[in-house]
Amino acid sequence: MIDPGIRVNSLLSVRGVTLGFGPKVIQRDLSFDVRRGSIFAVMGGSGCGKTTVLKSMIGLLRPTTGSILVETEDYWAGTDARRTQISRRFGVLFQSGALWSGLTVGENVALPLRMFTRLDDAAIARLVRLKLALVGLESAIELRPSELSGGMRKRAGLARAMALDPDVLFFDEPSAGLDPITSSRLDDLIVDLRDGLGATIVIVSHELPSLFAIADDGVFLDGETKTAIAHGSPLSLRERCDIPQVAAFMRRERPEALTAGKRPPP
C-alpha cells in the first residue's frame, strides 16, 4: 500500500530524515518529494549540509532516523544486495567529476558497463561513443582527464553517470569552478537530458543563475535551524517567500535590509 503522504508521481521521497556524524546533527526532520521528470534543487548556503543530504539519497550515508523511498521502496531498509540493485537506477556527477586519472575518457565511461553488465566489448564501445556524443565529447574518447578543461571533465563525468541509463541523475555543485558561458552550456545540457531522455534530475547547488534557469522544484536547507525551512522552485522562492533567510539568499540581500524594506547599499 502506498503511503498516503507520498505524491503519486514521486520517484524519490524523503521522510523524517535526520543526518549526522556521531552526536553532531547536520540536518534534521527532512521531508520532501522529488517528482518524476522534475529538476529538483537542494538549496542553501555553504556548510548547511546539502552534499550530506545528497550522499544519503544516493546510498553513501545512512540516515540516523527516517526513510528514503525510491518510488514506494525504503532504500535503507533493504539488504546490501537490494541497495546495490536500486543504486543502479542512479547516476551521480560529483563536483570534481571524479574521473580515474589513469584511464582514458572512454575507459572511464566504460567502467560501470564492465562492472554491472555482461555486454561484450563491441556493445560497450558503441554505448561509450553514444554517451560521449550526448555530451559533445566523442572526439575526446582517447584523451586522459588531465588533458581536458574543467567543463569537459564535468561532461565526461556526466557521460559516465549516464552509462547505465539511470532513472535519476544527481549533480553535486555542477557549476562549481566553471566560467559563466561553460556553466550556461552545462545548464542547457541538463535540461536536454531531462527533456530528451526523460531523466529525473536532483541538483545540489547555491549557484543562483543556474537554479533560476533550470530547476522547477526544490527544498531550502537552513544551516542554523538544521532543517528544511522552505519548499518550491527557486523562482517562486525568490518572488514569494517571506522567510528572511530564504529571501535574503534568493535575492542576494541582507536579512536586515529585507526587514527594513530597503535594499542594502552597493
Protein backbone atom coordinates (compact mmCIF):
# COMPACT_ATOMS: atom_id res chain seq x y z
CA MET A 1 0.00 0.00 0.00
CA ILE A 2 1.31 3.45 -0.91
CA ASP A 3 1.99 5.79 1.99
CA PRO A 4 -0.74 8.47 1.69
CA GLY A 5 1.90 11.09 2.41
CA ILE A 6 3.77 10.25 -0.82
CA ARG A 7 2.82 12.01 -4.03
CA VAL A 8 1.63 9.54 -6.65
CA ASN A 9 4.16 10.84 -9.21
CA SER A 10 7.08 10.91 -6.80
CA LEU A 11 10.17 8.98 -7.81
CA LEU A 12 12.04 9.80 -4.58
CA SER A 13 10.57 10.61 -1.17
CA VAL A 14 12.49 11.71 1.90
CA ARG A 15 10.51 11.16 5.11
CA GLY A 16 11.55 12.38 8.57
CA VAL A 17 15.26 12.04 7.81
CA THR A 18 17.89 13.18 10.28
CA LEU A 19 21.55 13.09 9.27
CA GLY A 20 24.67 13.46 11.34
CA PHE A 21 28.05 12.13 12.37
CA GLY A 22 28.05 10.77 15.91
CA PRO A 23 26.39 13.35 18.18
CA LYS A 24 26.69 16.11 15.55
CA VAL A 25 23.43 16.73 13.70
CA ILE A 26 23.79 18.08 10.14
CA GLN A 27 20.10 18.23 9.14
CA ARG A 28 17.02 17.01 10.97
CA ASP A 29 13.40 16.08 10.22
CA LEU A 30 13.69 16.42 6.43
CA SER A 31 10.64 15.52 4.37
CA PHE A 32 10.22 16.25 0.67
CA ASP A 33 9.32 14.60 -2.65
CA VAL A 34 11.12 14.59 -5.96
CA ARG A 35 8.59 14.37 -8.80
CA ARG A 36 9.33 12.11 -11.72
CA GLY A 37 10.69 14.19 -14.61
CA SER A 38 11.47 17.25 -12.49
CA ILE A 39 14.70 19.16 -11.98
CA PHE A 40 14.82 19.33 -8.20
CA ALA A 41 17.24 21.65 -6.39
CA VAL A 42 18.68 21.12 -2.92
CA MET A 43 19.47 24.71 -1.97
CA GLY A 44 21.06 26.60 0.89
CA GLY A 45 24.19 28.41 1.97
CA SER A 46 27.65 26.93 2.24
CA GLY A 47 28.00 24.41 5.05
CA CYS A 48 24.28 23.81 5.59
CA GLY A 49 24.50 20.11 4.68
CA LYS A 50 23.43 19.97 1.03
CA THR A 51 26.06 17.44 -0.02
CA THR A 52 25.38 15.36 3.11
CA VAL A 53 21.73 15.11 2.07
CA LEU A 54 22.83 14.08 -1.42
CA LYS A 55 25.10 11.37 -0.01
CA SER A 56 22.18 9.92 1.92
CA MET A 57 19.92 9.95 -1.14
CA ILE A 58 22.47 8.08 -3.28
CA GLY A 59 23.33 5.50 -0.64
CA LEU A 60 26.63 6.75 0.77
CA LEU A 61 25.36 7.81 4.22
CA ARG A 62 22.72 6.03 6.26
CA PRO A 63 20.26 8.40 7.99
CA THR A 64 20.17 8.47 11.76
CA THR A 65 16.38 8.34 11.55
CA GLY A 66 13.76 8.40 8.82
CA SER A 67 13.32 6.81 5.40
CA ILE A 68 14.37 7.45 1.81
CA LEU A 69 11.91 5.87 -0.58
CA VAL A 70 12.59 5.04 -4.21
CA GLU A 71 9.03 5.02 -5.50
CA THR A 72 7.47 3.10 -2.58
CA GLU A 73 10.52 1.06 -1.50
CA ASP A 74 12.57 2.08 1.54
CA TYR A 75 16.13 2.17 0.24
CA TRP A 76 17.86 1.82 3.59
CA ALA A 77 15.57 -0.99 4.81
CA GLY A 78 16.83 -3.34 2.12
CA THR A 79 19.75 -5.76 2.11
CA ASP A 80 23.13 -4.73 0.75
CA ALA A 81 22.35 -6.65 -2.44
CA ARG A 82 18.99 -4.92 -2.86
CA ARG A 83 20.50 -1.48 -2.26
CA THR A 84 23.08 -2.22 -4.93
CA GLN A 85 20.27 -3.07 -7.35
CA ILE A 86 18.40 0.13 -6.57
CA SER A 87 21.59 2.21 -6.85
CA ARG A 88 21.93 1.13 -10.47
CA ARG A 89 18.94 3.39 -11.11
CA PHE A 90 21.09 6.35 -10.02
CA GLY A 91 23.76 8.26 -11.91
CA VAL A 92 25.96 10.68 -10.00
CA LEU A 93 28.13 13.57 -11.19
CA PHE A 94 30.37 14.59 -8.32
CA GLN A 95 31.71 18.12 -8.03
CA SER A 96 35.19 17.25 -9.29
CA GLY A 97 33.97 14.88 -11.98
CA ALA A 98 35.71 12.05 -10.05
CA LEU A 99 37.32 10.57 -13.15
CA TRP A 100 40.05 7.95 -12.85
CA SER A 101 43.21 9.74 -13.94
CA GLY A 102 44.91 6.57 -15.19
CA LEU A 103 42.09 5.77 -17.62
CA THR A 104 41.10 7.45 -20.84
CA VAL A 105 37.76 9.23 -21.10
CA GLY A 106 36.33 6.26 -22.96
CA GLU A 107 37.61 3.82 -20.36
CA ASN A 108 36.08 5.92 -17.59
CA VAL A 109 32.67 5.82 -19.26
CA ALA A 110 33.00 2.10 -19.94
CA LEU A 111 33.81 1.26 -16.32
CA PRO A 112 30.24 0.91 -14.96
CA LEU A 113 29.26 -1.06 -18.07
CA ARG A 114 32.07 -3.51 -17.44
CA MET A 115 31.25 -3.73 -13.73
CA PHE A 116 27.48 -4.12 -13.88
CA THR A 117 26.59 -5.62 -17.28
CA ARG A 118 27.50 -8.68 -19.34
CA LEU A 119 27.83 -6.73 -22.58
CA ASP A 120 30.66 -7.68 -24.90
CA ASP A 121 33.44 -5.28 -25.86
CA ALA A 122 31.79 -4.22 -29.11
CA ALA A 123 28.50 -3.34 -27.42
CA ILE A 124 30.31 -1.43 -24.67
CA ALA A 125 32.31 0.52 -27.27
CA ARG A 126 29.10 1.51 -29.08
CA LEU A 127 27.46 2.67 -25.84
CA VAL A 128 30.53 4.63 -24.78
CA ARG A 129 30.53 6.55 -28.05
CA LEU A 130 26.79 7.18 -27.74
CA LYS A 131 27.08 8.56 -24.21
CA LEU A 132 30.03 10.75 -25.15
CA ALA A 133 28.15 12.01 -28.20
CA LEU A 134 25.25 13.04 -25.96
CA VAL A 135 27.57 15.38 -24.05
CA GLY A 136 29.54 16.50 -27.10
CA LEU A 137 32.76 14.67 -26.24
CA GLU A 138 33.01 11.83 -28.74
CA SER A 139 36.29 13.25 -30.08
CA ALA A 140 37.82 13.09 -26.58
CA ILE A 141 37.39 9.35 -26.18
CA GLU A 142 41.15 8.62 -26.17
CA LEU A 143 42.18 11.59 -24.01
CA ARG A 144 43.15 11.43 -20.34
CA PRO A 145 41.27 13.53 -17.77
CA SER A 146 44.36 15.71 -17.32
CA GLU A 147 44.05 16.76 -20.97
CA LEU A 148 40.51 18.09 -20.51
CA SER A 149 39.27 21.51 -19.43
CA GLY A 150 37.14 21.78 -16.30
CA GLY A 151 33.94 21.87 -18.32
CA MET A 152 34.99 18.87 -20.39
CA ARG A 153 35.77 16.88 -17.23
CA LYS A 154 32.26 17.64 -15.96
CA ARG A 155 30.75 16.45 -19.24
CA ALA A 156 32.90 13.31 -19.22
CA GLY A 157 31.76 12.60 -15.68
CA LEU A 158 28.19 13.10 -16.83
CA ALA A 159 28.64 10.64 -19.69
CA ARG A 160 29.86 8.05 -17.17
CA ALA A 161 26.92 8.85 -14.86
CA MET A 162 24.56 8.10 -17.77
CA ALA A 163 26.27 4.85 -18.75
CA LEU A 164 23.62 2.58 -17.19
CA ASP A 165 20.64 4.69 -18.34
CA PRO A 166 19.68 5.77 -14.81
CA ASP A 167 16.21 6.94 -13.80
CA VAL A 168 17.72 9.69 -11.63
CA LEU A 169 20.79 11.85 -12.24
CA PHE A 170 22.34 13.54 -9.21
CA PHE A 171 24.60 16.58 -9.60
CA ASP A 172 26.80 17.89 -6.79
CA GLU A 173 27.58 21.58 -7.50
CA PRO A 174 27.75 21.07 -11.28
CA SER A 175 28.65 24.71 -12.00
CA ALA A 176 31.45 24.93 -9.43
CA GLY A 177 34.69 26.15 -10.98
CA LEU A 178 33.17 26.85 -14.39
CA ASP A 179 33.09 30.17 -16.20
CA PRO A 180 29.60 31.65 -16.89
CA ILE A 181 29.47 30.53 -20.53
CA THR A 182 30.52 26.95 -19.76
CA SER A 183 28.12 26.87 -16.82
CA SER A 184 25.25 28.02 -19.06
CA ARG A 185 26.05 25.31 -21.60
CA LEU A 186 26.02 22.70 -18.86
CA ASP A 187 22.63 24.01 -17.71
CA ASP A 188 21.31 23.60 -21.26
CA LEU A 189 22.68 20.06 -21.38
CA ILE A 190 20.96 19.15 -18.10
CA VAL A 191 17.62 20.40 -19.41
CA ASP A 192 18.14 18.50 -22.68
CA LEU A 193 18.78 15.29 -20.72
CA ARG A 194 15.58 15.75 -18.77
CA ASP A 195 13.51 16.59 -21.85
CA GLY A 196 15.15 14.20 -24.30
CA LEU A 197 15.80 11.15 -22.11
CA GLY A 198 13.06 11.59 -19.50
CA ALA A 199 15.55 11.59 -16.63
CA THR A 200 14.71 12.99 -13.22
CA ILE A 201 17.38 15.42 -12.03
CA VAL A 202 18.48 16.29 -8.48
CA ILE A 203 20.93 19.19 -8.19
CA VAL A 204 22.83 20.35 -5.12
CA SER A 205 23.84 23.96 -5.69
CA HIS A 206 23.97 27.51 -4.41
CA GLU A 207 24.62 28.98 -7.88
CA LEU A 208 21.53 31.16 -8.31
CA PRO A 209 21.71 31.80 -12.08
CA SER A 210 21.72 28.06 -12.76
CA LEU A 211 18.99 27.37 -10.23
CA PHE A 212 16.71 30.04 -11.67
CA ALA A 213 17.38 28.84 -15.22
CA ILE A 214 16.63 25.14 -14.88
CA ALA A 215 15.11 24.00 -11.56
CA ASP A 216 11.33 23.62 -11.29
CA ASP A 217 11.13 22.42 -7.68
CA GLY A 218 13.32 22.25 -4.63
CA VAL A 219 13.95 22.45 -0.92
CA PHE A 220 15.85 25.10 1.03
CA LEU A 221 18.07 23.91 3.88
CA ASP A 222 18.89 26.25 6.75
CA GLY A 223 22.25 25.94 8.48
CA GLU A 224 21.11 27.49 11.77
CA THR A 225 17.92 25.53 12.44
CA LYS A 226 19.40 22.49 10.64
CA THR A 227 16.26 21.64 8.75
CA ALA A 228 14.32 22.48 5.60
CA ILE A 229 12.54 25.81 6.00
CA ALA A 230 11.04 26.27 2.51
CA HIS A 231 9.89 24.20 -0.46
CA GLY A 232 9.27 25.27 -4.05
CA SER A 233 11.00 26.27 -7.25
CA PRO A 234 13.91 28.73 -6.96
CA LEU A 235 11.94 31.36 -8.89
CA SER A 236 8.89 31.02 -6.64
CA LEU A 237 11.05 31.26 -3.52
CA ARG A 238 12.71 34.39 -4.89
CA GLU A 239 9.42 36.07 -5.77
CA ARG A 240 7.08 34.97 -3.00
CA CYS A 241 8.88 33.55 0.02
CA ASP A 242 8.85 35.91 3.02
CA ILE A 243 11.11 33.82 5.28
CA PRO A 244 14.04 36.23 5.88
CA GLN A 245 16.83 33.65 5.48
CA VAL A 246 15.37 32.32 2.23
CA ALA A 247 14.52 35.72 0.77
CA ALA A 248 17.97 37.05 1.65
CA PHE A 249 19.66 34.14 -0.08
CA MET A 250 17.48 34.04 -3.17
CA ARG A 251 17.52 37.82 -3.67
CA ARG A 252 21.12 38.29 -2.53
CA GLU A 253 20.06 40.74 0.13
CA ARG A 254 20.89 41.02 3.79
CA PRO A 255 18.10 39.92 6.16
CA GLU A 256 18.17 43.27 7.97
CA ALA A 257 17.63 45.10 4.70
CA LEU A 258 14.60 42.96 3.92
CA THR A 259 13.17 43.61 7.35
CA ALA A 260 13.63 47.34 6.87
CA GLY A 261 12.07 47.16 3.40
CA LYS A 262 15.09 48.51 1.59
CA ARG A 263 17.99 47.22 -0.44
CA PRO A 264 21.49 47.22 1.03
CA PRO A 265 24.00 49.78 -0.23
CA PRO A 266 26.23 48.61 -3.12
